Amino acid sequence: MQIEIGHLTVAVLAAIGLGALLYWRQRRTMSIPKIIFSMIGATFAIYYILYVVLGKGRTGWP
């Protein structure tokens, strides 16, 4: 699997936006490590979705 820079950039920007939103809205209930972990998870999830839908990726379904 080759990393597609365009999809990774979009995923990172979306994860940064999600992290900013979580920090702004959930600052009192979520700790900083949980917000960072959520951003990392969002990066992987969004990249995988973009890679499968728009890129050359396969889900394994026949």
PDB file of N, CA and C in Angstrom:
ATOM      1  N   MET A   1       0.836  -1.173   0.000  1.00  0.00           N
ATOM      2  CA  MET A   1       0.000   0.000   0.000  1.00  0.00           C
ATOM      3  C   MET A   1       0.882   1.238   0.000  1.00  0.00           C
ATOM      4  N   GLN A   2       0.629   2.121  -0.927  1.00  0.00           N
ATOM      5  CA  GLN A   2       1.353   3.379  -0.982  1.00  0.00           C
ATOM      6  C   GLN A   2       0.496   4.478  -0.372  1.00  0.00           C
ATOM      7  N   ILE A   3       1.122   5.342   0.381  1.00  0.00           N
ATOM      8  CA  ILE A   3       0.392   6.437   1.019  1.00  0.00           C
ATOM      9  C   ILE A   3       0.149   7.527  -0.017  1.00  0.00           C
ATOM     10  N   GLU A   4      -1.106   7.925  -0.159  1.00  0.00           N
ATOM     11  CA  GLU A   4      -1.451   9.002  -1.074  1.00  0.00           C
ATOM     12  C   GLU A   4      -1.450  10.303  -0.283  1.00  0.00           C
ATOM     13  N   ILE A   5      -0.572  11.211  -0.676  1.00  0.00           N
ATOM     14  CA  ILE A   5      -0.336  12.441   0.069  1.00  0.00           C
ATOM     15  C   ILE A   5      -1.588  13.321   0.118  1.00  0.00           C
ATOM     16  N   GLY A   6      -2.331  13.394  -0.952  1.00  0.00           N
ATOM     17  CA  GLY A   6      -3.529  14.233  -0.985  1.00  0.00           C
ATOM     18  C   GLY A   6      -4.573  13.778   0.018  1.00  0.00           C
ATOM     19  N   HIS A   7      -4.809  12.469   0.056  1.00  0.00           N
ATOM     20  CA  HIS A   7      -5.788  11.938   1.011  1.00  0.00           C
ATOM     21  C   HIS A   7      -5.306  12.099   2.449  1.00  0.00           C
ATOM     22  N   LEU A   8      -4.016  11.909   2.662  1.00  0.00           N
ATOM     23  CA  LEU A   8      -3.459  12.062   3.997  1.00  0.00           C
ATOM     24  C   LEU A   8      -3.566  13.516   4.465  1.00  0.00           C
ATOM     25  N   THR A   9      -3.336  14.453   3.570  1.00  0.00           N
ATOM     26  CA  THR A   9      -3.444  15.870   3.918  1.00  0.00           C
ATOM     27  C   THR A   9      -4.866  16.229   4.318  1.00  0.00           C
ATOM     28  N   VAL A  10      -5.835  15.764   3.548  1.00  0.00           N
ATOM     29  CA  VAL A  10      -7.237  16.025   3.875  1.00  0.00           C
ATOM     30  C   VAL A  10      -7.602  15.388   5.214  1.00  0.00           C
ATOM     31  N   ALA A  11      -7.123  14.178   5.455  1.00  0.00           N
ATOM     32  CA  ALA A  11      -7.423  13.489   6.709  1.00  0.00           C
ATOM     33  C   ALA A  11      -6.807  14.216   7.901  1.00  0.00           C
ATOM     34  N   VAL A  12      -5.585  14.697   7.757  1.00  0.00           N
ATOM     35  CA  VAL A  12      -4.926  15.409   8.853  1.00  0.00           C
ATOM     36  C   VAL A  12      -5.643  16.730   9.130  1.00  0.00           C
ATOM     37  N   LEU A  13      -6.011  17.452   8.089  1.00  0.00           N
ATOM     38  CA  LEU A  13      -6.723  18.714   8.285  1.00  0.00           C
ATOM     39  C   LEU A  13      -8.083  18.493   8.947  1.00  0.00           C
ATOM     40  N   ALA A  14      -8.787  17.455   8.543  1.00  0.00           N
ATOM     41  CA  ALA A  14     -10.075  17.146   9.161  1.00  0.00           C
ATOM     42  C   ALA A  14      -9.892  16.750  10.625  1.00  0.00           C
ATOM     43  N   ALA A  15      -8.843  16.003  10.929  1.00  0.00           N
ATOM     44  CA  ALA A  15      -8.576  15.599  12.309  1.00  0.00           C
ATOM     45  C   ALA A  15      -8.189  16.801  13.173  1.00  0.00           C
ATOM     46  N   ILE A  16      -7.451  17.739  12.611  1.00  0.00           N
ATOM     47  CA  ILE A  16      -7.116  18.958  13.355  1.00  0.00           C
ATOM     48  C   ILE A  16      -8.386  19.752  13.641  1.00  0.00           C
ATOM     49  N   GLY A  17      -9.270  19.834  12.663  1.00  0.00           N
ATOM     50  CA  GLY A  17     -10.555  20.499  12.881  1.00  0.00           C
ATOM     51  C   GLY A  17     -11.374  19.805  13.953  1.00  0.00           C
ATOM     52  N   LEU A  18     -11.388  18.484  13.930  1.00  0.00           N
ATOM     53  CA  LEU A  18     -12.101  17.726  14.954  1.00  0.00           C
ATOM     54  C   LEU A  18     -11.481  17.954  16.332  1.00  0.00           C
ATOM     55  N   GLY A  19     -10.164  17.972  16.403  1.00  0.00           N
ATOM     56  CA  GLY A  19      -9.489  18.221  17.672  1.00  0.00           C
ATOM     57  C   GLY A  19      -9.798  19.607  18.219  1.00  0.00           C
ATOM     58  N   ALA A  20      -9.823  20.606  17.341  1.00  0.00           N
ATOM     59  CA  ALA A  20     -10.158  21.963  17.777  1.00  0.00           C
ATOM     60  C   ALA A  20     -11.605  22.028  18.275  1.00  0.00           C
ATOM     61  N   LEU A  21     -12.497  21.359  17.578  1.00  0.00           N
ATOM     62  CA  LEU A  21     -13.891  21.329  17.997  1.00  0.00           C
ATOM     63  C   LEU A  21     -14.053  20.619  19.336  1.00  0.00           C
ATOM     64  N   LEU A  22     -13.385  19.498  19.512  1.00  0.00           N
ATOM     65  CA  LEU A  22     -13.449  18.782  20.784  1.00  0.00           C
ATOM     66  C   LEU A  22     -12.851  19.608  21.916  1.00  0.00           C
ATOM     67  N   TYR A  23     -11.741  20.271  21.651  1.00  0.00           N
ATOM     68  CA  TYR A  23     -11.119  21.088  22.680  1.00  0.00           C
ATOM     69  C   TYR A  23     -12.036  22.245  23.076  1.00  0.00           C
ATOM     70  N   TRP A  24     -12.688  22.838  22.103  1.00  0.00           N
ATOM     71  CA  TRP A  24     -13.559  23.983  22.353  1.00  0.00           C
ATOM     72  C   TRP A  24     -14.826  23.575  23.100  1.00  0.00           C
ATOM     73  N   ARG A  25     -15.435  22.438  22.699  1.00  0.00           N
ATOM     74  CA  ARG A  25     -16.717  22.037  23.271  1.00  0.00           C
ATOM     75  C   ARG A  25     -16.596  21.094  24.471  1.00  0.00           C
ATOM     76  N   GLN A  26     -15.561  20.259  24.527  1.00  0.00           N
ATOM     77  CA  GLN A  26     -15.470  19.223  25.551  1.00  0.00           C
ATOM     78  C   GLN A  26     -14.263  19.409  26.472  1.00  0.00           C
ATOM     79  N   ARG A  27     -13.775  20.617  26.602  1.00  0.00           N
ATOM     80  CA  ARG A  27     -12.562  20.871  27.370  1.00  0.00           C
ATOM     81  C   ARG A  27     -12.693  20.417  28.821  1.00  0.00           C
ATOM     82  N   ARG A  28     -13.847  20.578  29.401  1.00  0.00           N
ATOM     83  CA  ARG A  28     -14.002  20.232  30.811  1.00  0.00           C
ATOM     84  C   ARG A  28     -14.170  18.732  31.038  1.00  0.00           C
ATOM     85  N   THR A  29     -14.711  18.018  30.054  1.00  0.00           N
ATOM     86  CA  THR A  29     -14.975  16.591  30.266  1.00  0.00           C
ATOM     87  C   THR A  29     -13.917  15.680  29.657  1.00  0.00           C
ATOM     88  N   MET A  30     -13.217  16.131  28.628  1.00  0.00           N
ATOM     89  CA  MET A  30     -12.186  15.306  27.987  1.00  0.00           C
ATOM     90  C   MET A  30     -10.804  15.869  28.305  1.00  0.00           C
ATOM     91  N   SER A  31      -9.892  14.982  28.639  1.00  0.00           N
ATOM     92  CA  SER A  31      -8.520  15.422  28.880  1.00  0.00           C
ATOM     93  C   SER A  31      -7.790  15.585  27.544  1.00  0.00           C
ATOM     94  N   ILE A  32      -6.678  16.264  27.583  1.00  0.00           N
ATOM     95  CA  ILE A  32      -5.887  16.510  26.373  1.00  0.00           C
ATOM     96  C   ILE A  32      -5.417  15.199  25.727  1.00  0.00           C
ATOM     97  N   PRO A  33      -4.934  14.194  26.483  1.00  0.00           N
ATOM     98  CA  PRO A  33      -4.544  12.939  25.830  1.00  0.00           C
ATOM     99  C   PRO A  33      -5.712  12.250  25.114  1.00  0.00           C
ATOM    100  N   LYS A  34      -6.910  12.337  25.656  1.00  0.00           N
ATOM    101  CA  LYS A  34      -8.064  11.739  24.978  1.00  0.00           C
ATOM    102  C   LYS A  34      -8.384  12.477  23.684  1.00  0.00           C
ATOM    103  N   ILE A  35      -8.233  13.787  23.688  1.00  0.00           N
ATOM    104  CA  ILE A  35      -8.476  14.562  22.472  1.00  0.00           C
ATOM    105  C   ILE A  35      -7.431  14.215  21.418  1.00  0.00           C
ATOM    106  N   ILE A  36      -6.173  14.086  21.823  1.00  0.00           N
ATOM    107  CA  ILE A  36      -5.110  13.725  20.876  1.00  0.00           C
ATOM    108  C   ILE A  36      -5.341  12.319  20.320  1.00  0.00           C
ATOM    109  N   PHE A  37      -5.728  11.389  21.186  1.00  0.00           N
ATOM    110  CA  PHE A  37      -6.026  10.025  20.728  1.00  0.00           C
ATOM    111  C   PHE A  37      -7.194  10.027  19.743  1.00  0.00           C
ATOM    112  N   SER A  38      -8.199  10.850  19.992  1.00  0.00           N
ATOM    113  CA  SER A  38      -9.332  10.968  19.070  1.00  0.00           C
ATOM    114  C   SER A  38      -8.893  11.527  17.721  1.00  0.00           C
ATOM    115  N   MET A  39      -7.973  12.484  17.750  1.00  0.00           N
ATOM    116  CA  MET A  39      -7.468  13.053  16.502  1.00  0.00           C
ATOM    117  C   MET A  39      -6.677  12.019  15.704  1.00  0.00           C
ATOM    118  N   ILE A  40      -5.879  11.210  16.376  1.00  0.00           N
ATOM    119  CA  ILE A  40      -5.110  10.179  15.684  1.00  0.00           C
ATOM    120  C   ILE A  40      -6.050   9.138  15.080  1.00  0.00           C
ATOM    121  N   GLY A  41      -7.040   8.724  15.847  1.00  0.00           N
ATOM    122  CA  GLY A  41      -8.018   7.766  15.337  1.00  0.00           C
ATOM    123  C   GLY A  41      -8.803   8.323  14.160  1.00  0.00           C
ATOM    124  N   ALA A  42      -9.173   9.588  14.233  1.00  0.00           N
ATOM    125  CA  ALA A  42      -9.898  10.216  13.131  1.00  0.00           C
ATOM    126  C   ALA A  42      -9.033  10.297  11.880  1.00  0.00           C
ATOM    127  N   THR A  43      -7.737  10.552  12.062  1.00  0.00           N
ATOM    128  CA  THR A  43      -6.829  10.607  10.908  1.00  0.00           C
ATOM    129  C   THR A  43      -6.801   9.263  10.180  1.00  0.00           C
ATOM    130  N   PHE A  44      -6.632   8.174  10.929  1.00  0.00           N
ATOM    131  CA  PHE A  44      -6.612   6.855  10.301  1.00  0.00           C
ATOM    132  C   PHE A  44      -7.950   6.520   9.646  1.00  0.00           C
ATOM    133  N   ALA A  45      -9.047   6.821  10.318  1.00  0.00           N
ATOM    134  CA  ALA A  45     -10.372   6.485   9.786  1.00  0.00           C
ATOM    135  C   ALA A  45     -10.680   7.277   8.519  1.00  0.00           C
ATOM    136  N   ILE A  46     -10.442   8.573   8.551  1.00  0.00           N
ATOM    137  CA  ILE A  46     -10.737   9.406   7.383  1.00  0.00           C
ATOM    138  C   ILE A  46      -9.828   9.045   6.224  1.00  0.00           C
ATOM    139  N   TYR A  47      -8.552   8.781   6.492  1.00  0.00           N
ATOM    140  CA  TYR A  47      -7.641   8.392   5.416  1.00  0.00           C
ATOM    141  C   TYR A  47      -8.094   7.085   4.769  1.00  0.00           C
ATOM    142  N   TYR A  48      -8.470   6.114   5.589  1.00  0.00           N
ATOM    143  CA  TYR A  48      -8.901   4.828   5.047  1.00  0.00           C
ATOM    144  C   TYR A  48     -10.154   4.989   4.194  1.00  0.00           C
ATOM    145  N   ILE A  49     -11.111   5.782   4.668  1.00  0.00           N
ATOM    146  CA  ILE A  49     -12.335   6.008   3.897  1.00  0.00           C
ATOM    147  C   ILE A  49     -12.005   6.672   2.570  1.00  0.00           C
ATOM    148  N   LEU A  50     -11.181   7.702   2.584  1.00  0.00           N
ATOM    149  CA  LEU A  50     -10.804   8.377   1.339  1.00  0.00           C
ATOM    150  C   LEU A  50     -10.025   7.448   0.417  1.00  0.00           C
ATOM    151  N   TYR A  51      -9.157   6.631   0.979  1.00  0.00           N
ATOM    152  CA  TYR A  51      -8.353   5.714   0.174  1.00  0.00           C
ATOM    153  C   TYR A  51      -9.226   4.678  -0.515  1.00  0.00           C
ATOM    154  N   VAL A  52     -10.242   4.191   0.177  1.00  0.00           N
ATOM    155  CA  VAL A  52     -11.110   3.178  -0.410  1.00  0.00           C
ATOM    156  C   VAL A  52     -12.082   3.795  -1.409  1.00  0.00           C
ATOM    157  N   VAL A  53     -12.705   4.919  -1.039  1.00  0.00           N
ATOM    158  CA  VAL A  53     -13.742   5.501  -1.895  1.00  0.00           C
ATOM    159  C   VAL A  53     -13.142   6.202  -3.114  1.00  0.00           C
ATOM    160  N   LEU A  54     -12.097   6.988  -2.929  1.00  0.00           N
ATOM    161  CA  LEU A  54     -11.551   7.793  -4.013  1.00  0.00           C
ATOM    162  C   LEU A  54     -10.250   7.267  -4.584  1.00  0.00           C
ATOM    163  N   GLY A  55      -9.583   6.403  -3.853  1.00  0.00           N
ATOM    164  CA  GLY A  55      -8.260   5.949  -4.296  1.00  0.00           C
ATOM    165  C   GLY A  55      -8.305   4.554  -4.906  1.00  0.00           C
ATOM    166  N   LYS A  56      -7.227   3.838  -4.699  1.00  0.00           N
ATOM    167  CA  LYS A  56      -7.059   2.512  -5.293  1.00  0.00           C
ATOM    168  C   LYS A  56      -7.277   1.404  -4.277  1.00  0.00           C
ATOM    169  N   GLY A  57      -7.756   1.743  -3.115  1.00  0.00           N
ATOM    170  CA  GLY A  57      -7.897   0.765  -2.037  1.00  0.00           C
ATOM    171  C   GLY A  57      -9.056  -0.191  -2.248  1.00  0.00           C
ATOM    172  N   ARG A  58      -8.981  -1.317  -1.565  1.00  0.00           N
ATOM    173  CA  ARG A  58     -10.049  -2.305  -1.596  1.00  0.00           C
ATOM    174  C   ARG A  58     -10.439  -2.615  -0.172  1.00  0.00           C
ATOM    175  N   THR A  59     -11.703  -2.935   0.022  1.00  0.00           N
ATOM    176  CA  THR A  59     -12.168  -3.260   1.364  1.00  0.00           C
ATOM    177  C   THR A  59     -12.062  -4.733   1.679  1.00  0.00           C
ATOM    178  N   GLY A  60     -11.872  -5.561   0.674  1.00  0.00           N
ATOM    179  CA  GLY A  60     -11.829  -6.996   0.888  1.00  0.00           C
ATOM    180  C   GLY A  60     -13.142  -7.672   0.534  1.00  0.00           C
ATOM    181  N   TRP A  61     -14.165  -6.863   0.273  1.00  0.00           N
ATOM    182  CA  TRP A  61     -15.437  -7.435  -0.143  1.00  0.00           C
ATOM    183  C   TRP A  61     -15.333  -7.890  -1.594  1.00  0.00           C
ATOM    184  N   PRO A  62     -15.993  -8.982  -1.926  1.00  0.00           N
ATOM    185  CA  PRO A  62     -15.900  -9.460  -3.322  1.00  0.00           C
ATOM    186  C   PRO A  62     -16.556  -8.533  -4.313  1.00  0.00           C
TER     187      PRO A  62
END
